[in-house]
């Protein structure tokens, strides 16, 4: 938001760059989630088989639409990792996470514009 306040670039450009970067970061999580299963059961791995099954059940219940919450702190990263573990298609993942992240940055830009 400091860049908005500093009038460094057009707000739409700042929103676009922030959204793209944040979405690409989530793609890394999706990719890592796709490789998650091979580590389950190892002593050093922080997620046990039971926890992974609970997460699978949650994702199966709420499905891909839960990715619209990917913008939330503390919740977004586990969601995007689980989407990879559940083999969500990359195109669907990009669309839903991109919408989520872009809406967050648009809202922040509007709030910042309103208060200045």
C-alpha atoms as a PDB file:
ATOM      1  CA  UNK A   1       0.000   0.000   0.000  1.00  0.00           C
ATOM      2  CA  UNK A   2       3.005   2.243   0.443  1.00  0.00           C
ATOM      3  CA  UNK A   3       3.456   2.228  -3.325  1.00  0.00           C
ATOM      4  CA  UNK A   4      -0.133   3.412  -3.744  1.00  0.00           C
ATOM      5  CA  UNK A   5       0.389   6.166  -1.224  1.00  0.00           C
ATOM      6  CA  UNK A   6       3.674   7.136  -2.857  1.00  0.00           C
ATOM      7  CA  UNK A   7       1.980   7.386  -6.267  1.00  0.00           C
ATOM      8  CA  UNK A   8       4.771   5.252  -7.744  1.00  0.00           C
ATOM      9  CA  UNK A   9       2.647   3.715 -10.506  1.00  0.00           C
ATOM     10  CA  UNK A  10      -0.934   3.456 -11.646  1.00  0.00           C
ATOM     11  CA  UNK A  11      -3.102   1.626  -9.109  1.00  0.00           C
ATOM     12  CA  UNK A  12      -4.256  -0.919 -11.694  1.00  0.00           C
ATOM     13  CA  UNK A  13      -0.629  -1.799 -12.458  1.00  0.00           C
ATOM     14  CA  UNK A  14       0.228  -2.218  -8.780  1.00  0.00           C
ATOM     15  CA  UNK A  15      -2.825  -4.452  -8.290  1.00  0.00           C
ATOM     16  CA  UNK A  16      -1.933  -6.516 -11.372  1.00  0.00           C
ATOM     17  CA  UNK A  17       1.695  -7.053 -10.339  1.00  0.00           C
ATOM     18  CA  UNK A  18       0.811  -7.862  -6.725  1.00  0.00           C
ATOM     19  CA  UNK A  19      -1.921 -10.276  -7.803  1.00  0.00           C
ATOM     20  CA  UNK A  20       0.299 -12.042 -10.329  1.00  0.00           C
ATOM     21  CA  UNK A  21       3.172 -12.394  -7.882  1.00  0.00           C
ATOM     22  CA  UNK A  22       0.963 -13.640  -5.083  1.00  0.00           C
ATOM     23  CA  UNK A  23      -0.785 -16.108  -7.389  1.00  0.00           C
ATOM     24  CA  UNK A  24       2.554 -17.442  -8.637  1.00  0.00           C
ATOM     25  CA  UNK A  25       3.606 -17.944  -5.029  1.00  0.00           C
ATOM     26  CA  UNK A  26       0.489 -20.046  -4.543  1.00  0.00           C
ATOM     27  CA  UNK A  27       1.435 -22.100  -7.602  1.00  0.00           C
ATOM     28  CA  UNK A  28       4.628 -23.046  -5.751  1.00  0.00           C
ATOM     29  CA  UNK A  29       2.445 -24.286  -2.879  1.00  0.00           C
ATOM     30  CA  UNK A  30       0.270 -26.240  -5.344  1.00  0.00           C
ATOM     31  CA  UNK A  31       3.378 -27.843  -6.847  1.00  0.00           C
ATOM     32  CA  UNK A  32       4.751 -28.743  -3.415  1.00  0.00           C
ATOM     33  CA  UNK A  33       1.382 -30.209  -2.419  1.00  0.00           C
ATOM     34  CA  UNK A  34       1.496 -32.466  -5.455  1.00  0.00           C
ATOM     35  CA  UNK A  35       4.700 -33.968  -4.112  1.00  0.00           C
ATOM     36  CA  UNK A  36       3.480 -34.217  -0.524  1.00  0.00           C
ATOM     37  CA  UNK A  37       2.452 -37.866  -0.399  1.00  0.00           C
ATOM     38  CA  UNK A  38       5.912 -39.279  -0.850  1.00  0.00           C
ATOM     39  CA  UNK A  39       6.968 -37.793   2.486  1.00  0.00           C
ATOM     40  CA  UNK A  40       4.003 -38.900   4.602  1.00  0.00           C
ATOM     41  CA  UNK A  41       5.041 -41.405   7.219  1.00  0.00           C
ATOM     42  CA  UNK A  42       8.611 -40.213   7.496  1.00  0.00           C
ATOM     43  CA  UNK A  43       9.645 -39.354  11.018  1.00  0.00           C
ATOM     44  CA  UNK A  44      10.714 -35.786  10.216  1.00  0.00           C
ATOM     45  CA  UNK A  45       7.582 -34.916   8.197  1.00  0.00           C
ATOM     46  CA  UNK A  46       5.272 -32.674  10.265  1.00  0.00           C
ATOM     47  CA  UNK A  47       1.973 -34.065   8.909  1.00  0.00           C
ATOM     48  CA  UNK A  48       0.922 -37.583   9.794  1.00  0.00           C
ATOM     49  CA  UNK A  49      -1.297 -39.850   7.703  1.00  0.00           C
ATOM     50  CA  UNK A  50      -4.346 -39.141   9.894  1.00  0.00           C
ATOM     51  CA  UNK A  51      -3.966 -35.373   9.545  1.00  0.00           C
ATOM     52  CA  UNK A  52      -3.553 -35.716   5.784  1.00  0.00           C
ATOM     53  CA  UNK A  53      -6.724 -37.796   5.579  1.00  0.00           C
ATOM     54  CA  UNK A  54      -8.637 -35.184   7.594  1.00  0.00           C
ATOM     55  CA  UNK A  55      -7.407 -32.493   5.216  1.00  0.00           C
ATOM     56  CA  UNK A  56      -8.431 -34.618   2.238  1.00  0.00           C
ATOM     57  CA  UNK A  57     -11.883 -35.044   3.719  1.00  0.00           C
ATOM     58  CA  UNK A  58     -12.186 -31.319   4.253  1.00  0.00           C
ATOM     59  CA  UNK A  59     -11.100 -30.576   0.686  1.00  0.00           C
ATOM     60  CA  UNK A  60     -13.399 -33.258  -0.697  1.00  0.00           C
ATOM     61  CA  UNK A  61     -16.300 -31.721   1.213  1.00  0.00           C
ATOM     62  CA  UNK A  62     -15.677 -28.088   0.309  1.00  0.00           C
ATOM     63  CA  UNK A  63     -13.876 -28.743  -2.953  1.00  0.00           C
ATOM     64  CA  UNK A  64     -12.200 -26.359  -5.295  1.00  0.00           C
ATOM     65  CA  UNK A  65     -14.451 -23.470  -4.298  1.00  0.00           C
ATOM     66  CA  UNK A  66     -12.560 -23.260  -1.032  1.00  0.00           C
ATOM     67  CA  UNK A  67      -9.695 -21.836  -3.107  1.00  0.00           C
ATOM     68  CA  UNK A  68     -11.630 -18.575  -3.191  1.00  0.00           C
ATOM     69  CA  UNK A  69     -10.434 -18.233   0.413  1.00  0.00           C
ATOM     70  CA  UNK A  70      -6.773 -18.481  -0.637  1.00  0.00           C
ATOM     71  CA  UNK A  71      -6.314 -14.787   0.176  1.00  0.00           C
ATOM     72  CA  UNK A  72      -6.839 -15.386   3.903  1.00  0.00           C
ATOM     73  CA  UNK A  73      -3.815 -15.328   6.200  1.00  0.00           C
ATOM     74  CA  UNK A  74      -3.034 -18.665   7.899  1.00  0.00           C
ATOM     75  CA  UNK A  75      -5.674 -20.450   5.801  1.00  0.00           C
ATOM     76  CA  UNK A  76      -4.623 -19.678   2.241  1.00  0.00           C
ATOM     77  CA  UNK A  77      -1.297 -21.501   2.153  1.00  0.00           C
ATOM     78  CA  UNK A  78      -2.623 -24.806   3.536  1.00  0.00           C
ATOM     79  CA  UNK A  79      -5.527 -24.598   1.077  1.00  0.00           C
ATOM     80  CA  UNK A  80      -3.233 -24.174  -1.896  1.00  0.00           C
ATOM     81  CA  UNK A  81      -0.958 -26.993  -0.717  1.00  0.00           C
ATOM     82  CA  UNK A  82      -3.946 -29.292  -0.256  1.00  0.00           C
ATOM     83  CA  UNK A  83      -5.209 -28.419  -3.733  1.00  0.00           C
ATOM     84  CA  UNK A  84      -1.926 -29.721  -5.113  1.00  0.00           C
ATOM     85  CA  UNK A  85      -2.129 -32.850  -2.984  1.00  0.00           C
ATOM     86  CA  UNK A  86      -5.670 -33.438  -4.249  1.00  0.00           C
ATOM     87  CA  UNK A  87      -4.446 -33.061  -7.839  1.00  0.00           C
ATOM     88  CA  UNK A  88      -6.593 -30.041  -8.620  1.00  0.00           C
ATOM     89  CA  UNK A  89      -6.107 -29.084 -12.262  1.00  0.00           C
ATOM     90  CA  UNK A  90      -3.700 -26.176 -12.664  1.00  0.00           C
ATOM     91  CA  UNK A  91      -6.093 -24.178 -14.858  1.00  0.00           C
ATOM     92  CA  UNK A  92      -8.906 -24.348 -12.308  1.00  0.00           C
ATOM     93  CA  UNK A  93      -6.434 -23.602  -9.524  1.00  0.00           C
ATOM     94  CA  UNK A  94      -5.056 -20.537 -11.318  1.00  0.00           C
ATOM     95  CA  UNK A  95      -8.517 -19.174 -12.068  1.00  0.00           C
ATOM     96  CA  UNK A  96      -9.876 -19.488  -8.531  1.00  0.00           C
ATOM     97  CA  UNK A  97      -6.726 -18.417  -6.703  1.00  0.00           C
ATOM     98  CA  UNK A  98      -6.183 -15.568  -9.185  1.00  0.00           C
ATOM     99  CA  UNK A  99      -9.704 -14.285  -8.564  1.00  0.00           C
ATOM    100  CA  UNK A 100      -9.186 -14.559  -4.811  1.00  0.00           C
ATOM    101  CA  UNK A 101      -5.857 -12.754  -4.725  1.00  0.00           C
ATOM    102  CA  UNK A 102      -6.927 -10.061  -7.205  1.00  0.00           C
ATOM    103  CA  UNK A 103     -10.093  -9.269  -5.248  1.00  0.00           C
ATOM    104  CA  UNK A 104      -8.023  -8.832  -2.100  1.00  0.00           C
ATOM    105  CA  UNK A 105      -5.636  -6.377  -3.758  1.00  0.00           C
ATOM    106  CA  UNK A 106      -8.471  -4.468  -5.431  1.00  0.00           C
ATOM    107  CA  UNK A 107     -10.183  -4.129  -2.037  1.00  0.00           C
ATOM    108  CA  UNK A 108      -6.956  -2.952  -0.413  1.00  0.00           C
ATOM    109  CA  UNK A 109      -6.368  -0.431  -3.191  1.00  0.00           C
ATOM    110  CA  UNK A 110      -9.909   0.910  -2.872  1.00  0.00           C
ATOM    111  CA  UNK A 111      -9.617   1.197   0.906  1.00  0.00           C
ATOM    112  CA  UNK A 112      -6.263   2.954   0.566  1.00  0.00           C
ATOM    113  CA  UNK A 113      -7.673   5.345  -2.040  1.00  0.00           C
ATOM    114  CA  UNK A 114     -10.673   6.100   0.147  1.00  0.00           C
ATOM    115  CA  UNK A 115      -8.587   6.989   3.200  1.00  0.00           C
ATOM    116  CA  UNK A 116      -6.187   9.277   1.345  1.00  0.00           C
END
